[in-house]
Amino acid sequence: MHQKSYSSRGMRLENDINDSNKYYRELDRALIYKKPTPVQVVHVDYPKRQRAKITEAYYKTPSTTDYNGVYRGKYIDFEAKETKNKTSFPLFMIHPHQIKHLKKVVFHGGIGFFIIRFNYHNETYLVDSKLLIDKIENIDKSSIPYSWFQSHGILIQEGLCPRLAYLKAVDELYFKEDK
C-alpha cells in the first residue's frame, strides 16, 4: 500500500509568495520574509567532517504563521494555504495557534490576513484575518464554500513579476483611504 505524502503540499504557493517577496524587496516596496519553522535537532551523523547530516529532528513548538514583515509603515503577518478541493476550503488546515496569533497581531495594530489558493480553479484570494476567523468561529461545518472566498476575498492577480501581486490586494483592503 502506497503512503500518501503531504510534504510538498503548499509548496507551489509558498514558492510564488517567496518569489513575490524577493521582487518586492528588490524594489524596496516591502520587507517581508518567510518565518523559519523552529526545529529541535536530536541527532546528527558526521560521515565526513564537512558533511553533517541531520538524522532526527522534531518541531519545537507549532509555528505561528508563514510570513511577516513591514509594508507602508505597518507590520503585516499572514498565513498561506492551498487546497486541491473544488468546492470548499477545509478548516482543519487552519490551526488554533494560528488563529490566536493573528488575533494578537490585529489587537496590537498590525495587519493580519490569509492567502488561500484553490488549485482546481487556479485562483488565489487574500482574506482579512478578522473576517475569516469570525467565519471559522461561527460556522458548524468542516469547510467554507469556495463561493464565500469569491465574495469575501480579493482575487490576487498572477503574473511574471511579481508572481503574485498580493500587495495590490493589501492596498485595496487596508490602504483604500491613502489612494
N, C-alpha and C. Protein backbone atom coordinates (compact mmCIF):
# COMPACT_ATOMS: atom_id res chain seq x y z
N MET A 1 0.84 -1.18 0.00
CA MET A 1 0.00 0.00 0.00
C MET A 1 0.88 1.25 0.00
N HIS A 2 0.57 2.19 -0.88
CA HIS A 2 1.36 3.42 -1.02
C HIS A 2 0.90 4.46 -0.01
N GLN A 3 1.83 4.99 0.75
CA GLN A 3 1.53 6.03 1.74
C GLN A 3 1.50 7.38 1.03
N LYS A 4 0.44 8.16 1.21
CA LYS A 4 0.32 9.46 0.58
C LYS A 4 1.18 10.48 1.33
N SER A 5 1.98 11.22 0.59
CA SER A 5 2.86 12.21 1.21
C SER A 5 2.26 13.60 1.07
N TYR A 6 2.30 14.36 2.16
CA TYR A 6 1.82 15.73 2.14
C TYR A 6 2.98 16.71 2.29
N SER A 7 4.20 16.23 2.19
CA SER A 7 5.36 17.07 2.47
C SER A 7 5.49 18.25 1.51
N SER A 8 5.05 18.11 0.26
CA SER A 8 5.19 19.23 -0.67
C SER A 8 3.89 20.00 -0.86
N ARG A 9 2.87 19.65 -0.09
CA ARG A 9 1.59 20.34 -0.19
C ARG A 9 1.81 21.81 0.18
N GLY A 10 1.36 22.70 -0.67
CA GLY A 10 1.51 24.11 -0.39
C GLY A 10 2.81 24.71 -0.90
N MET A 11 3.67 23.90 -1.47
CA MET A 11 4.97 24.40 -1.91
C MET A 11 4.87 25.32 -3.12
N ARG A 12 3.95 25.08 -4.02
CA ARG A 12 3.82 25.96 -5.19
C ARG A 12 3.42 27.36 -4.75
N LEU A 13 2.43 27.44 -3.87
CA LEU A 13 2.01 28.74 -3.35
C LEU A 13 3.15 29.40 -2.59
N GLU A 14 3.80 28.63 -1.74
CA GLU A 14 4.92 29.17 -0.96
C GLU A 14 6.01 29.71 -1.89
N ASN A 15 6.35 28.97 -2.93
CA ASN A 15 7.37 29.43 -3.88
C ASN A 15 6.93 30.71 -4.58
N ASP A 16 5.66 30.79 -4.96
CA ASP A 16 5.14 32.00 -5.61
C ASP A 16 5.23 33.21 -4.66
N ILE A 17 4.89 33.01 -3.40
CA ILE A 17 4.97 34.11 -2.42
C ILE A 17 6.43 34.49 -2.18
N ASN A 18 7.30 33.49 -2.04
CA ASN A 18 8.72 33.79 -1.83
C ASN A 18 9.30 34.58 -3.00
N ASP A 19 8.96 34.19 -4.23
CA ASP A 19 9.42 34.93 -5.41
C ASP A 19 8.87 36.35 -5.41
N SER A 20 7.61 36.50 -5.05
CA SER A 20 6.99 37.83 -4.99
C SER A 20 7.66 38.69 -3.93
N ASN A 21 7.93 38.09 -2.76
CA ASN A 21 8.58 38.84 -1.68
C ASN A 21 9.98 39.30 -2.09
N LYS A 22 10.70 38.44 -2.79
CA LYS A 22 12.03 38.81 -3.28
C LYS A 22 11.93 40.00 -4.23
N TYR A 23 10.96 39.95 -5.13
CA TYR A 23 10.72 41.05 -6.07
C TYR A 23 10.38 42.33 -5.30
N TYR A 24 9.49 42.24 -4.33
CA TYR A 24 9.11 43.42 -3.54
C TYR A 24 10.30 43.98 -2.77
N ARG A 25 11.16 43.12 -2.23
CA ARG A 25 12.36 43.58 -1.51
C ARG A 25 13.33 44.28 -2.46
N GLU A 26 13.52 43.70 -3.65
CA GLU A 26 14.45 44.29 -4.62
C GLU A 26 14.00 45.68 -5.06
N LEU A 27 12.71 45.91 -5.12
CA LEU A 27 12.16 47.23 -5.49
C LEU A 27 11.99 48.14 -4.27
N ASP A 28 12.30 47.64 -3.08
CA ASP A 28 12.09 48.37 -1.82
C ASP A 28 10.63 48.75 -1.60
N ARG A 29 9.73 47.89 -2.04
CA ARG A 29 8.29 48.12 -1.80
C ARG A 29 7.86 47.59 -0.46
N ALA A 30 8.49 46.50 0.00
CA ALA A 30 8.13 45.87 1.28
C ALA A 30 9.30 45.02 1.75
N LEU A 31 9.28 44.73 3.04
CA LEU A 31 10.29 43.86 3.64
C LEU A 31 9.54 42.72 4.33
N ILE A 32 9.33 41.64 3.59
CA ILE A 32 8.52 40.52 4.07
C ILE A 32 9.31 39.22 3.85
N TYR A 33 9.33 38.38 4.89
CA TYR A 33 10.08 37.13 4.83
C TYR A 33 9.24 35.95 5.30
N LYS A 34 9.63 34.79 4.84
CA LYS A 34 9.08 33.52 5.34
C LYS A 34 9.70 33.29 6.70
N LYS A 35 8.86 32.94 7.67
CA LYS A 35 9.36 32.65 9.01
C LYS A 35 9.93 31.23 9.05
N PRO A 36 11.08 31.06 9.68
CA PRO A 36 11.61 29.70 9.82
C PRO A 36 10.77 28.90 10.82
N THR A 37 10.64 27.62 10.58
CA THR A 37 9.93 26.74 11.50
C THR A 37 10.91 26.29 12.58
N PRO A 38 10.58 26.53 13.86
CA PRO A 38 11.51 26.14 14.93
C PRO A 38 11.65 24.62 15.06
N VAL A 39 12.88 24.14 14.91
CA VAL A 39 13.16 22.70 14.93
C VAL A 39 14.22 22.40 15.99
N GLN A 40 14.01 21.31 16.72
CA GLN A 40 14.99 20.83 17.70
C GLN A 40 15.73 19.65 17.08
N VAL A 41 17.02 19.82 16.83
CA VAL A 41 17.84 18.75 16.27
C VAL A 41 18.20 17.79 17.40
N VAL A 42 17.94 16.50 17.18
CA VAL A 42 18.20 15.48 18.20
C VAL A 42 19.46 14.68 17.88
N HIS A 43 19.64 14.34 16.61
CA HIS A 43 20.80 13.52 16.26
C HIS A 43 21.38 13.94 14.92
N VAL A 44 22.71 14.01 14.87
CA VAL A 44 23.42 14.37 13.65
C VAL A 44 24.50 13.32 13.39
N ASP A 45 24.56 12.83 12.15
CA ASP A 45 25.63 11.92 11.73
C ASP A 45 26.71 12.74 11.02
N TYR A 46 27.95 12.38 11.28
CA TYR A 46 29.08 13.06 10.66
C TYR A 46 29.90 12.05 9.86
N PRO A 47 29.42 11.61 8.67
CA PRO A 47 30.18 10.65 7.89
C PRO A 47 31.54 11.21 7.47
N LYS A 48 31.58 12.50 7.19
CA LYS A 48 32.82 13.22 6.91
C LYS A 48 32.72 14.55 7.65
N ARG A 49 33.84 15.11 7.91
CA ARG A 49 33.88 16.34 8.70
C ARG A 49 33.01 17.46 8.09
N GLN A 50 33.02 17.57 6.78
CA GLN A 50 32.30 18.64 6.09
C GLN A 50 30.86 18.26 5.72
N ARG A 51 30.43 17.05 6.07
CA ARG A 51 29.12 16.58 5.61
C ARG A 51 28.23 16.13 6.75
N ALA A 52 27.89 17.04 7.62
CA ALA A 52 26.98 16.70 8.72
C ALA A 52 25.59 16.42 8.15
N LYS A 53 24.94 15.38 8.67
CA LYS A 53 23.61 15.01 8.19
C LYS A 53 22.69 14.86 9.40
N ILE A 54 21.62 15.67 9.41
CA ILE A 54 20.64 15.58 10.49
C ILE A 54 19.79 14.34 10.24
N THR A 55 19.78 13.43 11.21
CA THR A 55 19.03 12.18 11.05
C THR A 55 17.78 12.13 11.91
N GLU A 56 17.69 13.02 12.90
CA GLU A 56 16.50 13.06 13.74
C GLU A 56 16.29 14.48 14.25
N ALA A 57 15.07 14.99 14.03
CA ALA A 57 14.72 16.34 14.49
C ALA A 57 13.22 16.41 14.70
N TYR A 58 12.80 17.32 15.57
CA TYR A 58 11.38 17.49 15.88
C TYR A 58 11.04 18.97 15.90
N TYR A 59 9.77 19.27 15.60
CA TYR A 59 9.31 20.64 15.73
C TYR A 59 9.28 21.00 17.20
N LYS A 60 9.93 22.13 17.56
CA LYS A 60 9.95 22.57 18.96
C LYS A 60 8.56 22.97 19.43
N THR A 61 7.99 23.91 18.71
CA THR A 61 6.65 24.41 19.02
C THR A 61 5.94 24.61 17.70
N PRO A 62 4.63 24.66 17.72
CA PRO A 62 3.93 24.94 16.46
C PRO A 62 4.33 26.33 15.95
N SER A 63 4.62 26.43 14.69
CA SER A 63 4.94 27.72 14.09
C SER A 63 3.70 28.59 14.13
N THR A 64 3.87 29.89 14.22
CA THR A 64 2.71 30.78 14.29
C THR A 64 2.08 30.91 12.90
N THR A 65 2.65 31.75 12.07
CA THR A 65 2.15 31.92 10.70
C THR A 65 3.35 31.83 9.75
N ASP A 66 3.07 31.86 8.46
CA ASP A 66 4.12 31.64 7.47
C ASP A 66 5.01 32.85 7.21
N TYR A 67 4.43 34.05 7.19
CA TYR A 67 5.17 35.24 6.74
C TYR A 67 4.91 36.43 7.65
N ASN A 68 5.93 37.30 7.74
CA ASN A 68 5.73 38.58 8.41
C ASN A 68 6.72 39.60 7.88
N GLY A 69 6.42 40.87 8.15
CA GLY A 69 7.30 41.92 7.70
C GLY A 69 6.66 43.28 7.85
N VAL A 70 7.18 44.24 7.07
CA VAL A 70 6.72 45.62 7.13
C VAL A 70 6.37 46.08 5.73
N TYR A 71 5.21 46.74 5.62
CA TYR A 71 4.76 47.31 4.36
C TYR A 71 4.07 48.63 4.64
N ARG A 72 4.51 49.68 3.97
CA ARG A 72 3.94 51.02 4.13
C ARG A 72 3.86 51.43 5.60
N GLY A 73 4.89 51.10 6.35
CA GLY A 73 4.98 51.50 7.75
C GLY A 73 4.16 50.66 8.71
N LYS A 74 3.54 49.61 8.23
CA LYS A 74 2.71 48.75 9.08
C LYS A 74 3.29 47.35 9.13
N TYR A 75 3.19 46.75 10.32
CA TYR A 75 3.57 45.35 10.49
C TYR A 75 2.50 44.48 9.83
N ILE A 76 2.91 43.52 9.01
CA ILE A 76 1.96 42.57 8.44
C ILE A 76 2.40 41.15 8.75
N ASP A 77 1.40 40.29 8.89
CA ASP A 77 1.63 38.90 9.28
C ASP A 77 0.55 38.08 8.59
N PHE A 78 0.94 37.00 7.92
CA PHE A 78 -0.10 36.23 7.22
C PHE A 78 0.26 34.76 7.09
N GLU A 79 -0.79 33.99 6.88
CA GLU A 79 -0.71 32.55 6.70
C GLU A 79 -1.13 32.25 5.26
N ALA A 80 -0.43 31.32 4.62
CA ALA A 80 -0.75 30.92 3.25
C ALA A 80 -1.15 29.45 3.23
N LYS A 81 -2.27 29.18 2.57
CA LYS A 81 -2.78 27.80 2.46
C LYS A 81 -3.25 27.55 1.03
N GLU A 82 -3.09 26.32 0.59
CA GLU A 82 -3.66 25.96 -0.70
C GLU A 82 -4.36 24.62 -0.61
N THR A 83 -5.40 24.49 -1.43
CA THR A 83 -6.19 23.27 -1.43
C THR A 83 -6.47 22.84 -2.87
N LYS A 84 -6.59 21.53 -3.05
CA LYS A 84 -7.00 20.98 -4.35
C LYS A 84 -8.51 20.83 -4.42
N ASN A 85 -9.17 21.08 -3.30
CA ASN A 85 -10.62 20.92 -3.21
C ASN A 85 -11.32 21.88 -4.18
N LYS A 86 -12.31 21.39 -4.88
CA LYS A 86 -13.02 22.16 -5.90
C LYS A 86 -14.08 23.09 -5.31
N THR A 87 -14.78 22.63 -4.28
CA THR A 87 -15.97 23.35 -3.81
C THR A 87 -15.84 24.04 -2.47
N SER A 88 -14.76 23.75 -1.71
CA SER A 88 -14.66 24.35 -0.38
C SER A 88 -13.22 24.33 0.13
N PHE A 89 -13.01 25.09 1.20
CA PHE A 89 -11.71 25.13 1.88
C PHE A 89 -11.84 24.41 3.21
N PRO A 90 -11.09 23.31 3.43
CA PRO A 90 -11.20 22.54 4.67
C PRO A 90 -10.61 23.31 5.86
N LEU A 91 -11.38 23.41 6.93
CA LEU A 91 -10.97 24.19 8.10
C LEU A 91 -9.85 23.55 8.91
N PHE A 92 -9.65 22.24 8.78
CA PHE A 92 -8.57 21.61 9.53
C PHE A 92 -7.20 22.17 9.13
N MET A 93 -7.14 22.85 8.01
CA MET A 93 -5.87 23.41 7.53
C MET A 93 -5.42 24.64 8.33
N ILE A 94 -6.36 25.27 9.01
CA ILE A 94 -6.02 26.43 9.85
C ILE A 94 -6.06 25.99 11.30
N HIS A 95 -4.94 26.15 11.98
CA HIS A 95 -4.79 25.64 13.34
C HIS A 95 -5.12 26.69 14.40
N PRO A 96 -5.59 26.26 15.57
CA PRO A 96 -5.95 27.20 16.64
C PRO A 96 -4.83 28.17 17.01
N HIS A 97 -3.57 27.71 17.03
CA HIS A 97 -2.47 28.62 17.39
C HIS A 97 -2.27 29.70 16.33
N GLN A 98 -2.63 29.42 15.07
CA GLN A 98 -2.52 30.43 14.02
C GLN A 98 -3.61 31.48 14.18
N ILE A 99 -4.80 31.03 14.53
CA ILE A 99 -5.91 31.95 14.80
C ILE A 99 -5.56 32.86 15.97
N LYS A 100 -5.08 32.27 17.05
CA LYS A 100 -4.71 33.03 18.24
C LYS A 100 -3.64 34.08 17.91
N HIS A 101 -2.65 33.67 17.15
CA HIS A 101 -1.56 34.57 16.78
C HIS A 101 -2.07 35.75 15.95
N LEU A 102 -2.88 35.47 14.93
CA LEU A 102 -3.37 36.55 14.07
C LEU A 102 -4.31 37.49 14.83
N LYS A 103 -5.07 36.97 15.78
CA LYS A 103 -5.89 37.84 16.63
C LYS A 103 -5.02 38.82 17.40
N LYS A 104 -3.89 38.33 17.93
CA LYS A 104 -2.96 39.19 18.68
C LYS A 104 -2.30 40.23 17.77
N VAL A 105 -1.96 39.84 16.56
CA VAL A 105 -1.38 40.78 15.60
C VAL A 105 -2.33 41.95 15.38
N VAL A 106 -3.59 41.65 15.13
CA VAL A 106 -4.60 42.68 14.88
C VAL A 106 -4.83 43.51 16.14
N PHE A 107 -4.90 42.86 17.30
CA PHE A 107 -5.09 43.56 18.58
C PHE A 107 -4.00 44.61 18.80
N HIS A 108 -2.78 44.28 18.38
CA HIS A 108 -1.66 45.20 18.59
C HIS A 108 -1.46 46.17 17.42
N GLY A 109 -2.43 46.24 16.52
CA GLY A 109 -2.38 47.24 15.46
C GLY A 109 -1.76 46.80 14.16
N GLY A 110 -1.39 45.54 14.05
CA GLY A 110 -0.82 45.03 12.82
C GLY A 110 -1.90 44.62 11.83
N ILE A 111 -1.47 44.27 10.65
CA ILE A 111 -2.36 43.78 9.60
C ILE A 111 -2.18 42.27 9.51
N GLY A 112 -3.28 41.54 9.63
CA GLY A 112 -3.25 40.08 9.54
C GLY A 112 -4.20 39.61 8.46
N PHE A 113 -3.76 38.64 7.69
CA PHE A 113 -4.62 38.10 6.64
C PHE A 113 -4.20 36.68 6.28
N PHE A 114 -5.03 36.07 5.45
CA PHE A 114 -4.76 34.74 4.91
C PHE A 114 -4.66 34.87 3.39
N ILE A 115 -3.76 34.11 2.81
CA ILE A 115 -3.74 33.94 1.36
C ILE A 115 -4.14 32.49 1.12
N ILE A 116 -5.25 32.32 0.42
CA ILE A 116 -5.83 30.99 0.18
C ILE A 116 -5.86 30.73 -1.32
N ARG A 117 -5.24 29.63 -1.73
CA ARG A 117 -5.24 29.25 -3.14
C ARG A 117 -6.12 28.03 -3.36
N PHE A 118 -6.97 28.13 -4.38
CA PHE A 118 -7.77 27.00 -4.84
C PHE A 118 -7.13 26.49 -6.14
N ASN A 119 -6.36 25.42 -6.03
CA ASN A 119 -5.62 24.90 -7.19
C ASN A 119 -6.54 24.50 -8.34
N TYR A 120 -7.68 23.91 -8.02
CA TYR A 120 -8.59 23.45 -9.07
C TYR A 120 -9.02 24.61 -9.96
N HIS A 121 -9.28 25.77 -9.34
CA HIS A 121 -9.75 26.95 -10.08
C HIS A 121 -8.60 27.85 -10.52
N ASN A 122 -7.38 27.51 -10.08
CA ASN A 122 -6.21 28.35 -10.36
C ASN A 122 -6.46 29.80 -9.91
N GLU A 123 -7.00 29.94 -8.69
CA GLU A 123 -7.30 31.25 -8.13
C GLU A 123 -6.74 31.35 -6.72
N THR A 124 -6.23 32.54 -6.40
CA THR A 124 -5.66 32.80 -5.09
C THR A 124 -6.32 34.04 -4.52
N TYR A 125 -6.78 33.94 -3.27
CA TYR A 125 -7.51 35.03 -2.63
C TYR A 125 -6.79 35.53 -1.39
N LEU A 126 -6.89 36.83 -1.14
CA LEU A 126 -6.45 37.41 0.12
C LEU A 126 -7.71 37.70 0.92
N VAL A 127 -7.73 37.22 2.18
CA VAL A 127 -8.89 37.42 3.06
C VAL A 127 -8.40 37.98 4.39
N ASP A 128 -9.05 39.04 4.84
CA ASP A 128 -8.73 39.64 6.13
C ASP A 128 -8.85 38.60 7.24
N SER A 129 -7.90 38.59 8.16
CA SER A 129 -7.91 37.57 9.21
C SER A 129 -9.14 37.68 10.11
N LYS A 130 -9.55 38.90 10.46
CA LYS A 130 -10.74 39.04 11.33
C LYS A 130 -11.97 38.43 10.66
N LEU A 131 -12.12 38.68 9.38
CA LEU A 131 -13.28 38.18 8.63
C LEU A 131 -13.28 36.65 8.56
N LEU A 132 -12.13 36.07 8.21
CA LEU A 132 -12.07 34.61 8.08
C LEU A 132 -12.17 33.93 9.44
N ILE A 133 -11.51 34.48 10.46
CA ILE A 133 -11.58 33.89 11.80
C ILE A 133 -13.01 33.95 12.33
N ASP A 134 -13.70 35.06 12.10
CA ASP A 134 -15.10 35.16 12.52
C ASP A 134 -15.94 34.08 11.83
N LYS A 135 -15.69 33.86 10.55
CA LYS A 135 -16.42 32.83 9.81
C LYS A 135 -16.11 31.44 10.38
N ILE A 136 -14.83 31.18 10.66
CA ILE A 136 -14.42 29.88 11.22
C ILE A 136 -15.09 29.64 12.56
N GLU A 137 -15.12 30.66 13.41
CA GLU A 137 -15.64 30.51 14.77
C GLU A 137 -17.17 30.46 14.82
N ASN A 138 -17.83 30.84 13.72
CA ASN A 138 -19.29 30.86 13.73
C ASN A 138 -19.93 29.92 12.71
N ILE A 139 -19.16 28.98 12.23
CA ILE A 139 -19.71 28.00 11.29
C ILE A 139 -19.62 26.63 11.96
N ASP A 140 -20.65 25.84 11.80
CA ASP A 140 -20.57 24.49 12.39
C ASP A 140 -20.45 23.45 11.27
N LYS A 141 -19.53 23.75 10.36
CA LYS A 141 -19.20 22.83 9.28
C LYS A 141 -17.69 22.64 9.29
N SER A 142 -17.23 21.69 8.53
CA SER A 142 -15.80 21.41 8.49
C SER A 142 -15.09 22.12 7.34
N SER A 143 -15.84 22.94 6.60
CA SER A 143 -15.23 23.67 5.49
C SER A 143 -16.03 24.93 5.18
N ILE A 144 -15.40 25.82 4.43
CA ILE A 144 -16.05 27.05 3.98
C ILE A 144 -16.17 26.95 2.46
N PRO A 145 -17.35 27.24 1.92
CA PRO A 145 -17.54 27.11 0.47
C PRO A 145 -16.61 28.03 -0.34
N TYR A 146 -16.18 27.54 -1.47
CA TYR A 146 -15.37 28.31 -2.41
C TYR A 146 -16.05 29.63 -2.75
N SER A 147 -17.37 29.60 -2.90
CA SER A 147 -18.12 30.81 -3.25
C SER A 147 -17.97 31.91 -2.20
N TRP A 148 -17.77 31.53 -0.92
CA TRP A 148 -17.57 32.52 0.14
C TRP A 148 -16.29 33.31 -0.13
N PHE A 149 -15.24 32.63 -0.56
CA PHE A 149 -13.97 33.30 -0.86
C PHE A 149 -14.12 34.21 -2.08
N GLN A 150 -14.93 33.79 -3.04
CA GLN A 150 -15.17 34.62 -4.22
C GLN A 150 -15.85 35.94 -3.83
N SER A 151 -16.77 35.88 -2.87
CA SER A 151 -17.50 37.09 -2.50
C SER A 151 -16.87 37.88 -1.36
N HIS A 152 -16.03 37.26 -0.53
CA HIS A 152 -15.45 37.96 0.62
C HIS A 152 -13.94 38.19 0.52
N GLY A 153 -13.30 37.54 -0.43
CA GLY A 153 -11.86 37.70 -0.59
C GLY A 153 -11.55 38.61 -1.77
N ILE A 154 -10.29 38.97 -1.88
CA ILE A 154 -9.83 39.75 -3.02
C ILE A 154 -8.99 38.82 -3.88
N LEU A 155 -9.39 38.67 -5.13
CA LEU A 155 -8.66 37.82 -6.06
C LEU A 155 -7.30 38.44 -6.34
N ILE A 156 -6.24 37.68 -6.13
CA ILE A 156 -4.88 38.18 -6.33
C ILE A 156 -4.46 37.91 -7.77
N GLN A 157 -4.00 38.96 -8.43
CA GLN A 157 -3.53 38.83 -9.81
C GLN A 157 -2.22 38.05 -9.84
N GLU A 158 -2.12 37.15 -10.82
CA GLU A 158 -0.89 36.40 -11.03
C GLU A 158 -0.21 36.92 -12.28
N GLY A 159 1.12 36.92 -12.26
CA GLY A 159 1.88 37.40 -13.41
C GLY A 159 3.31 36.92 -13.33
N LEU A 160 4.18 37.61 -14.03
CA LEU A 160 5.59 37.23 -14.04
C LEU A 160 6.33 37.89 -12.87
N CYS A 161 6.24 39.21 -12.77
CA CYS A 161 6.89 39.95 -11.69
C CYS A 161 5.94 41.02 -11.17
N PRO A 162 5.44 40.90 -10.00
CA PRO A 162 5.60 39.77 -9.10
C PRO A 162 4.74 38.59 -9.53
N ARG A 163 5.11 37.42 -9.10
CA ARG A 163 4.34 36.21 -9.42
C ARG A 163 2.92 36.33 -8.88
N LEU A 164 2.80 36.77 -7.63
CA LEU A 164 1.50 37.05 -7.00
C LEU A 164 1.50 38.51 -6.55
N ALA A 165 0.66 39.32 -7.14
CA ALA A 165 0.60 40.75 -6.80
C ALA A 165 -0.26 40.96 -5.56
N TYR A 166 0.13 40.30 -4.46
CA TYR A 166 -0.72 40.36 -3.27
C TYR A 166 -0.67 41.71 -2.58
N LEU A 167 0.39 42.51 -2.79
CA LEU A 167 0.41 43.84 -2.16
C LEU A 167 -0.65 44.75 -2.76
N LYS A 168 -1.03 44.50 -4.01
CA LYS A 168 -2.13 45.24 -4.63
C LYS A 168 -3.43 44.96 -3.86
N ALA A 169 -3.62 43.70 -3.48
CA ALA A 169 -4.80 43.32 -2.69
C ALA A 169 -4.72 43.91 -1.29
N VAL A 170 -3.52 43.94 -0.70
CA VAL A 170 -3.33 44.56 0.62
C VAL A 170 -3.69 46.04 0.54
N ASP A 171 -3.22 46.72 -0.51
CA ASP A 171 -3.57 48.14 -0.70
C ASP A 171 -5.07 48.33 -0.78
N GLU A 172 -5.72 47.48 -1.56
CA GLU A 172 -7.17 47.59 -1.76
C GLU A 172 -7.94 47.40 -0.45
N LEU A 173 -7.48 46.47 0.37
CA LEU A 173 -8.19 46.14 1.60
C LEU A 173 -7.84 47.06 2.77
N TYR A 174 -6.57 47.42 2.92
CA TYR A 174 -6.13 48.11 4.13
C TYR A 174 -5.70 49.56 3.92
N PHE A 175 -5.47 49.99 2.69
CA PHE A 175 -4.97 51.34 2.45
C PHE A 175 -5.85 52.10 1.46
N LYS A 176 -7.15 51.80 1.43
CA LYS A 176 -8.07 52.44 0.50
C LYS A 176 -8.03 53.96 0.60
N GLU A 177 -8.01 54.47 1.84
CA GLU A 177 -8.08 55.91 2.06
C GLU A 177 -6.81 56.63 1.64
N ASP A 178 -5.72 55.90 1.42
CA ASP A 178 -4.45 56.52 1.05
C ASP A 178 -4.31 56.75 -0.46
N LYS A 179 -5.27 56.29 -1.22
CA LYS A 179 -5.15 56.39 -2.69
C LYS A 179 -5.36 57.81 -3.17
